[in-house]
Amino acid sequence: MKEAATWQAVGVKMTKKIKIAPIGYVRNGRETLEDDHWGGIVSRIELDDGIPEDSLDGIDSYSHLEIIFYFHKADRSKIILGREHPRENIDWPKVGIFAQRKKGRPNLIGTTIVKLVKRQGRTIHVTNLDAINGTPVIDIKPVLKEFLPKEEVSQPEWSIELMKNYWNRSPDCGNEVDREKKSKAKGRRVAEKTLYLKKIISGGQTGVDRAALDFALELGIPCGGWCPKGRLAEDGAIEARYPLRETRSPEYPVRTERNVKDSDATLILTRGEPTEGTARTLELAKIHKKPYFAVDLSEGEEDPAAVRKWLQEEKVEVLNVAGPRESNAPGIHDRAMEFLRRVLQKAPAESKLDFIVKAQGSQGSTSLS
């Protein structure tokens, strides 16, 4: 974050500098800067690796949060230090930059009060956040009613007109489904029932882990997850095309637990009884009271419809997929890929699924045993 660049863009010399590092980043389906139609967008705020997870402890006891963020993609040539017409609309009076909420502010700082949907490990899910995907978050503060205005809020008429469509929904603005349809959905079929799935994660190991990532990349589904330091796997360093984040430890169990905790639920694909790392994944799901579903792919009688129903009932947005590595179960990669296609595609293999994403206000957390 380079504060100096914002002032230099308007020819003002900074007399003092303040260095601020992001504590996290916004993740959602809104990629472009737009003034209106922020309603209905569900965003995730993921903590930066340097911020400990327990910094969020207790946050789920609040209903609303204040998010302070940085307009990293704002046009610096449009920064205003004096006054101008809001949104350059000459029908509205010229007012100073501190009398409006324009993005082009001296320090490019934005603040918004959001509704907290849920906390998920190092991630919080919120609604009514008017920040695009990738926005650096500077701070998160709980909203206390004692800090809200005691008197009736007043504002000029032009600002009421400006905000008329701000929180309205748009059929094609910031909605991940519509973005997916525009870019990839020609000829695809929509699943019979709604799936809430937004992302697939795994640890990147050969076998089932790698199959989950390959499947997600094949369909254009966002994917990721935690992997050991050095991108360690049994076949060497995990390829860069897999968007994984490294833990600070080279030990496999560390990333296994992170993926269980950072997901809504875990799908375990095995060949026979779970052993070694797969068994540990199952144990961790129980310890952290996370929903899980185990499928034995060796029997030939697995039911993809049952898994699909489970995903729907649990309203899983982030799915962790785990299972044995390829050396312990030769052929498991291809078998897992084939099963995932049957679970998440209602159409034949050559066509692909459109995901219908719905905003969630509550979370289920029932383990299947």
Protein backbone atom coordinates (compact mmCIF):
# COMPACT_ATOMS: atom_id res chain seq x y z
CA MET A 1 0.00 0.00 0.00
CA LYS A 2 1.77 3.20 -1.16
CA GLU A 3 0.23 6.24 0.47
CA ALA A 4 2.70 8.66 -1.13
CA ALA A 5 1.52 7.83 -4.63
CA THR A 6 -2.00 9.07 -3.86
CA TRP A 7 -0.82 12.56 -2.93
CA GLN A 8 1.80 12.79 -5.66
CA ALA A 9 -0.92 12.08 -8.21
CA VAL A 10 -2.50 15.44 -7.44
CA GLY A 11 0.75 17.34 -7.07
CA VAL A 12 0.77 17.59 -3.29
CA LYS A 13 3.95 16.92 -1.34
CA MET A 14 3.51 14.76 1.73
CA THR A 15 5.01 16.18 4.88
CA LYS A 16 4.50 13.00 6.91
CA LYS A 17 4.13 9.35 6.00
CA ILE A 18 2.15 6.65 7.73
CA LYS A 19 2.79 3.02 6.86
CA ILE A 20 -0.22 0.72 7.07
CA ALA A 21 -0.22 -2.99 6.22
CA PRO A 22 -3.40 -4.90 5.27
CA ILE A 23 -4.75 -7.26 7.91
CA GLY A 24 -6.76 -9.15 5.31
CA TYR A 25 -8.40 -9.07 1.90
CA VAL A 26 -11.94 -9.04 0.50
CA ARG A 27 -13.04 -12.01 -1.61
CA ASN A 28 -16.25 -11.80 -3.64
CA GLY A 29 -17.58 -11.81 -7.19
CA ARG A 30 -17.37 -8.07 -7.79
CA GLU A 31 -14.34 -7.34 -9.97
CA THR A 32 -15.07 -3.87 -11.37
CA LEU A 33 -15.56 -0.49 -9.73
CA GLU A 34 -19.21 0.56 -9.92
CA ASP A 35 -21.07 3.23 -7.99
CA ASP A 36 -24.35 1.36 -7.42
CA HIS A 37 -25.99 -2.06 -6.99
CA TRP A 38 -24.14 -3.45 -3.98
CA GLY A 39 -27.14 -5.27 -2.54
CA GLY A 40 -27.14 -9.05 -2.22
CA ILE A 41 -23.37 -9.50 -2.44
CA VAL A 42 -21.88 -11.90 0.09
CA SER A 43 -18.19 -11.23 0.73
CA ARG A 44 -15.47 -13.06 2.62
CA ILE A 45 -12.69 -11.30 4.48
CA GLU A 46 -9.66 -13.57 4.77
CA LEU A 47 -6.97 -12.67 7.29
CA ASP A 48 -3.44 -12.05 6.06
CA ASP A 49 -0.97 -14.81 6.92
CA GLY A 50 0.76 -12.52 9.41
CA ILE A 51 -2.39 -12.04 11.50
CA PRO A 52 -3.15 -14.83 14.02
CA GLU A 53 -6.48 -16.61 13.77
CA ASP A 54 -7.38 -15.89 17.39
CA SER A 55 -7.61 -12.19 16.51
CA LEU A 56 -11.17 -13.07 15.43
CA ASP A 57 -12.10 -14.85 18.66
CA GLY A 58 -15.38 -13.50 20.02
CA ILE A 59 -16.32 -11.68 16.83
CA ASP A 60 -19.33 -13.91 16.22
CA SER A 61 -21.01 -12.47 19.30
CA TYR A 62 -21.64 -9.27 17.32
CA SER A 63 -24.27 -8.78 14.63
CA HIS A 64 -22.49 -6.01 12.73
CA LEU A 65 -18.92 -4.96 12.03
CA GLU A 66 -17.22 -1.83 10.73
CA ILE A 67 -14.78 -2.55 7.90
CA ILE A 68 -12.02 -0.06 7.10
CA PHE A 69 -10.47 -0.70 3.69
CA TYR A 70 -8.24 0.76 0.98
CA PHE A 71 -9.50 1.73 -2.49
CA HIS A 72 -6.58 -0.01 -4.22
CA LYS A 73 -8.02 0.30 -7.74
CA ALA A 74 -9.34 3.85 -7.52
CA ASP A 75 -8.14 6.24 -10.23
CA ARG A 76 -5.48 8.33 -8.51
CA SER A 77 -5.80 11.06 -11.11
CA LYS A 78 -9.29 11.73 -9.76
CA ILE A 79 -8.28 12.30 -6.15
CA ILE A 80 -9.90 15.46 -4.82
CA LEU A 81 -8.48 17.67 -2.06
CA GLY A 82 -10.94 20.52 -2.40
CA ARG A 83 -14.55 20.37 -3.61
CA GLU A 84 -16.42 19.11 -6.64
CA HIS A 85 -19.83 17.90 -7.81
CA PRO A 86 -20.52 14.44 -6.30
CA ARG A 87 -20.09 11.83 -9.07
CA GLU A 88 -19.35 14.83 -11.33
CA ASN A 89 -23.10 15.45 -11.58
CA ILE A 90 -23.59 19.17 -12.21
CA ASP A 91 -27.17 18.92 -10.95
CA TRP A 92 -25.74 18.40 -7.48
CA PRO A 93 -23.90 21.18 -5.62
CA LYS A 94 -20.14 21.28 -5.29
CA VAL A 95 -19.14 20.08 -1.84
CA GLY A 96 -15.80 19.40 -0.18
CA ILE A 97 -14.28 15.92 -0.27
CA PHE A 98 -15.00 15.54 3.45
CA ALA A 99 -18.70 16.26 2.83
CA GLN A 100 -19.11 13.27 0.50
CA ARG A 101 -18.06 9.61 0.34
CA LYS A 102 -16.19 9.66 -2.98
CA LYS A 103 -13.58 6.94 -3.61
CA GLY A 104 -11.01 9.50 -4.77
CA ARG A 105 -10.16 10.69 -1.26
CA PRO A 106 -6.75 11.95 -0.10
CA ASN A 107 -5.83 8.60 1.47
CA LEU A 108 -8.22 6.33 -0.48
CA ILE A 109 -9.80 5.01 2.71
CA GLY A 110 -13.30 3.52 2.79
CA THR A 111 -15.46 2.45 5.75
CA THR A 112 -18.69 0.48 5.79
CA ILE A 113 -20.88 -1.15 8.43
CA VAL A 114 -21.66 -4.73 7.42
CA LYS A 115 -23.76 -7.59 8.73
CA LEU A 116 -21.75 -10.56 10.01
CA VAL A 117 -23.05 -13.83 8.57
CA LYS A 118 -20.55 -16.22 10.13
CA ARG A 119 -16.95 -16.76 11.12
CA GLN A 120 -15.05 -19.66 9.60
CA GLY A 121 -11.56 -20.09 11.02
CA ARG A 122 -9.49 -17.23 9.58
CA THR A 123 -12.37 -15.98 7.46
CA ILE A 124 -15.52 -13.96 8.16
CA HIS A 125 -18.52 -13.87 5.83
CA VAL A 126 -20.38 -10.56 5.59
CA THR A 127 -23.09 -8.81 3.59
CA ASN A 128 -23.45 -5.15 2.54
CA LEU A 129 -19.73 -4.61 1.98
CA ASP A 130 -19.18 -2.20 -0.91
CA ALA A 131 -15.64 -3.32 -1.75
CA ILE A 132 -14.47 -5.26 -4.80
CA ASN A 133 -12.61 -8.55 -4.89
CA GLY A 134 -9.04 -8.24 -3.64
CA THR A 135 -9.60 -5.04 -1.66
CA PRO A 136 -7.04 -4.70 1.17
CA VAL A 137 -8.68 -4.48 4.59
CA ILE A 138 -7.02 -2.13 7.07
CA ASP A 139 -9.07 -2.90 10.18
CA ILE A 140 -12.18 -4.68 11.47
CA LYS A 141 -14.09 -3.26 14.43
CA PRO A 142 -17.29 -4.48 16.11
CA VAL A 143 -20.29 -2.15 15.96
CA LEU A 144 -21.53 -1.09 19.38
CA LYS A 145 -24.89 0.60 19.61
CA GLU A 146 -23.41 3.07 22.09
CA PHE A 147 -21.29 4.48 19.23
CA LEU A 148 -24.23 4.88 16.85
CA PRO A 149 -25.87 8.33 16.53
CA LYS A 150 -28.11 9.23 19.46
CA GLU A 151 -30.04 11.77 17.40
CA GLU A 152 -31.87 11.49 14.10
CA VAL A 153 -29.47 11.42 11.15
CA SER A 154 -29.87 14.28 8.69
CA GLN A 155 -28.36 14.62 5.21
CA PRO A 156 -28.84 16.81 2.11
CA GLU A 157 -31.38 15.92 -0.56
CA TRP A 158 -28.74 15.33 -3.25
CA SER A 159 -27.15 12.57 -1.14
CA ILE A 160 -30.51 10.80 -0.81
CA GLU A 161 -30.84 10.87 -4.59
CA LEU A 162 -27.25 9.64 -4.97
CA MET A 163 -27.94 6.64 -2.71
CA LYS A 164 -31.20 5.69 -4.44
CA ASN A 165 -29.77 2.61 -6.19
CA TYR A 166 -26.68 2.05 -4.07
CA TRP A 167 -27.96 -0.96 -2.16
CA ASN A 168 -30.27 -2.28 -4.88
CA ARG A 169 -29.50 -5.66 -6.38
CA SER A 170 -28.44 -5.93 -10.00
CA PRO A 171 -28.96 -9.02 -12.23
CA ASP A 172 -25.47 -8.63 -13.69
CA CYS A 173 -23.36 -6.58 -11.28
CA GLY A 174 -21.09 -8.29 -8.78
CA ASN A 175 -22.93 -11.60 -8.94
CA GLU A 176 -20.59 -14.56 -9.31
CA VAL A 177 -23.21 -16.61 -11.12
CA ASP A 178 -23.75 -13.97 -13.78
CA ARG A 179 -20.02 -13.50 -14.25
CA GLU A 180 -19.66 -17.24 -14.70
CA LYS A 181 -22.54 -17.37 -17.17
CA LYS A 182 -21.15 -14.54 -19.26
CA SER A 183 -17.70 -16.05 -19.56
CA LYS A 184 -18.20 -19.81 -19.47
CA ALA A 185 -21.82 -20.92 -19.43
CA LYS A 186 -22.67 -21.31 -23.10
CA GLY A 187 -24.31 -24.67 -23.56
CA ARG A 188 -24.09 -25.65 -19.89
CA ARG A 189 -26.99 -27.00 -17.90
CA VAL A 190 -28.10 -25.72 -14.51
CA ALA A 191 -28.34 -28.26 -11.69
CA GLU A 192 -31.82 -29.38 -10.68
CA LYS A 193 -31.49 -27.96 -7.18
CA THR A 194 -29.54 -25.06 -5.79
CA LEU A 195 -25.93 -25.63 -4.76
CA TYR A 196 -24.29 -23.01 -2.60
CA LEU A 197 -20.79 -24.12 -3.54
CA LYS A 198 -18.36 -21.29 -4.28
CA LYS A 199 -14.94 -22.85 -3.78
CA ILE A 200 -13.15 -26.20 -3.57
CA ILE A 201 -10.01 -26.57 -1.47
CA SER A 202 -7.52 -29.35 -0.74
CA GLY A 203 -3.94 -29.87 0.44
CA GLY A 204 -2.51 -30.41 -3.04
CA GLN A 205 -1.13 -33.91 -2.45
CA THR A 206 -1.22 -36.43 -5.29
CA GLY A 207 -4.34 -38.57 -5.55
CA VAL A 208 -7.65 -37.23 -4.24
CA ASP A 209 -6.31 -33.80 -3.23
CA ARG A 210 -4.93 -33.14 -6.70
CA ALA A 211 -8.07 -34.54 -8.35
CA ALA A 212 -10.22 -31.99 -6.48
CA LEU A 213 -8.08 -29.11 -7.73
CA ASP A 214 -7.94 -30.49 -11.29
CA PHE A 215 -11.71 -30.86 -11.29
CA ALA A 216 -12.22 -27.28 -10.06
CA LEU A 217 -9.84 -25.87 -12.66
CA GLU A 218 -11.55 -27.92 -15.36
CA LEU A 219 -14.92 -26.36 -14.55
CA GLY A 220 -13.64 -22.89 -13.71
CA ILE A 221 -14.67 -23.19 -10.06
CA PRO A 222 -12.56 -21.09 -7.66
CA CYS A 223 -10.14 -23.35 -5.79
CA GLY A 224 -7.28 -23.19 -3.32
CA GLY A 225 -6.36 -24.43 0.12
CA TRP A 226 -3.34 -24.78 2.37
CA CYS A 227 -0.25 -26.83 1.52
CA PRO A 228 2.97 -27.48 3.48
CA LYS A 229 5.83 -24.98 3.44
CA GLY A 230 7.76 -25.36 0.18
CA ARG A 231 4.58 -26.65 -1.56
CA LEU A 232 5.61 -30.14 -0.50
CA ALA A 233 4.00 -33.24 -2.07
CA GLU A 234 5.18 -36.76 -2.75
CA ASP A 235 5.93 -35.94 -6.40
CA GLY A 236 7.96 -32.84 -5.53
CA ALA A 237 6.95 -29.18 -5.34
CA ILE A 238 3.27 -28.62 -6.19
CA GLU A 239 2.91 -26.80 -9.50
CA ALA A 240 2.27 -23.06 -9.38
CA ARG A 241 -0.93 -23.43 -11.42
CA TYR A 242 -2.60 -24.76 -8.26
CA PRO A 243 -3.47 -21.62 -6.20
CA LEU A 244 -2.44 -22.92 -2.79
CA ARG A 245 -1.15 -21.01 0.21
CA GLU A 246 1.81 -22.35 2.16
CA THR A 247 1.66 -22.87 5.90
CA ARG A 248 4.68 -21.97 7.98
CA SER A 249 5.35 -25.65 8.63
CA PRO A 250 6.51 -28.38 6.22
CA GLU A 251 4.45 -30.94 8.16
CA TYR A 252 1.38 -32.36 6.40
CA PRO A 253 -0.92 -32.44 9.49
CA VAL A 254 -0.69 -28.64 9.83
CA ARG A 255 -2.19 -27.96 6.41
CA THR A 256 -4.71 -30.78 6.94
CA GLU A 257 -6.13 -29.04 9.99
CA ARG A 258 -6.11 -25.60 8.34
CA ASN A 259 -8.17 -26.90 5.41
CA VAL A 260 -10.67 -28.59 7.72
CA LYS A 261 -11.09 -25.43 9.80
CA ASP A 262 -11.26 -23.01 6.85
CA SER A 263 -13.95 -24.94 4.99
CA ASP A 264 -17.67 -25.39 5.60
CA ALA A 265 -17.44 -29.17 5.25
CA THR A 266 -15.14 -31.98 4.12
CA LEU A 267 -15.79 -34.63 1.47
CA ILE A 268 -13.57 -37.67 2.05
CA LEU A 269 -13.04 -40.04 -0.89
CA THR A 270 -11.35 -43.29 0.05
CA ARG A 271 -10.63 -46.77 -1.18
CA GLY A 272 -11.49 -48.93 1.81
CA GLU A 273 -11.18 -47.74 5.40
CA PRO A 274 -9.50 -44.32 5.86
CA THR A 275 -5.87 -44.60 6.95
CA GLU A 276 -2.95 -42.27 7.77
CA GLY A 277 -3.63 -38.67 6.65
CA THR A 278 -7.14 -39.47 5.50
CA ALA A 279 -8.00 -40.90 8.91
CA ARG A 280 -6.54 -37.77 10.50
CA THR A 281 -8.77 -35.59 8.32
CA LEU A 282 -11.81 -37.51 9.52
CA GLU A 283 -10.71 -37.12 13.14
CA LEU A 284 -10.13 -33.38 12.73
CA ALA A 285 -13.57 -32.88 11.21
CA LYS A 286 -15.06 -34.45 14.33
CA ILE A 287 -12.83 -32.45 16.68
CA HIS A 288 -13.77 -29.16 15.05
CA LYS A 289 -17.41 -30.20 14.71
CA LYS A 290 -17.36 -29.74 10.95
CA PRO A 291 -19.78 -31.60 8.65
CA TYR A 292 -18.16 -34.41 6.68
CA PHE A 293 -19.20 -37.11 4.24
CA ALA A 294 -17.03 -40.18 3.55
CA VAL A 295 -17.40 -42.19 0.36
CA ASP A 296 -15.70 -45.54 -0.32
CA LEU A 297 -14.91 -45.58 -4.04
CA SER A 298 -13.85 -49.24 -4.02
CA GLU A 299 -17.36 -50.62 -3.71
CA GLY A 300 -18.72 -49.38 -7.03
CA GLU A 301 -22.05 -48.54 -5.40
CA GLU A 302 -21.33 -44.96 -4.32
CA ASP A 303 -24.26 -42.58 -4.65
CA PRO A 304 -23.38 -39.13 -6.06
CA ALA A 305 -26.96 -37.97 -5.46
CA ALA A 306 -26.50 -38.54 -1.71
CA VAL A 307 -23.42 -36.32 -1.68
CA ARG A 308 -25.21 -33.68 -3.74
CA LYS A 309 -28.12 -33.70 -1.28
CA TRP A 310 -25.70 -33.38 1.63
CA LEU A 311 -24.03 -30.36 0.02
CA GLN A 312 -27.43 -28.73 -0.45
CA GLU A 313 -28.67 -29.46 3.07
CA GLU A 314 -25.46 -28.25 4.71
CA LYS A 315 -25.38 -25.20 2.41
CA VAL A 316 -21.69 -25.79 1.77
CA GLU A 317 -19.94 -22.81 0.18
CA VAL A 318 -16.32 -23.86 0.71
CA LEU A 319 -15.76 -27.61 0.30
CA ASN A 320 -12.60 -29.37 1.47
CA VAL A 321 -11.87 -32.58 -0.46
CA ALA A 322 -9.47 -35.13 1.00
CA GLY A 323 -8.36 -38.72 0.53
CA PRO A 324 -5.35 -41.00 -0.01
CA ARG A 325 -2.32 -40.06 -2.06
CA GLU A 326 -1.74 -41.76 -5.41
CA SER A 327 1.09 -44.02 -4.19
CA ASN A 328 -1.17 -45.50 -1.50
CA ALA A 329 -4.12 -45.98 -3.86
CA PRO A 330 -2.99 -46.19 -7.51
CA GLY A 331 -5.63 -44.79 -9.86
CA ILE A 332 -7.45 -42.87 -7.11
CA HIS A 333 -6.89 -39.53 -8.87
CA ASP A 334 -8.88 -40.52 -11.96
CA ARG A 335 -11.49 -42.34 -9.89
CA ALA A 336 -12.02 -39.28 -7.69
CA MET A 337 -12.25 -36.99 -10.73
CA GLU A 338 -14.91 -39.21 -12.27
CA PHE A 339 -16.93 -39.26 -9.05
CA LEU A 340 -16.72 -35.49 -8.57
CA ARG A 341 -18.06 -35.02 -12.08
CA ARG A 342 -21.02 -37.24 -11.23
CA VAL A 343 -21.65 -35.32 -8.00
CA LEU A 344 -21.42 -31.80 -9.37
CA GLN A 345 -22.58 -32.24 -12.95
CA LYS A 346 -26.11 -33.21 -13.83
CA ALA A 347 -25.21 -33.20 -17.51
CA PRO A 348 -22.92 -35.60 -19.43
CA ALA A 349 -19.15 -35.24 -18.99
CA GLU A 350 -18.71 -32.91 -21.95
CA SER A 351 -21.00 -30.27 -20.45
CA LYS A 352 -20.44 -28.34 -17.22
CA LEU A 353 -22.38 -27.11 -14.25
CA ASP A 354 -23.54 -23.59 -13.59
CA PHE A 355 -23.49 -22.92 -9.87
CA ILE A 356 -26.32 -20.91 -8.39
CA VAL A 357 -24.96 -18.94 -5.47
CA LYS A 358 -27.35 -17.79 -2.78
CA ALA A 359 -26.57 -15.49 0.11
CA GLN A 360 -26.66 -17.22 3.50
CA GLY A 361 -27.67 -15.81 6.81
CA SER A 362 -27.18 -18.91 8.97
CA GLN A 363 -24.90 -21.92 9.18
CA GLY A 364 -25.58 -25.58 9.76
CA SER A 365 -22.92 -27.66 11.49
CA THR A 366 -24.14 -31.21 11.82
CA SER A 367 -21.61 -34.00 11.46
CA LEU A 368 -22.61 -37.16 9.65
CA SER A 369 -21.44 -40.23 11.48
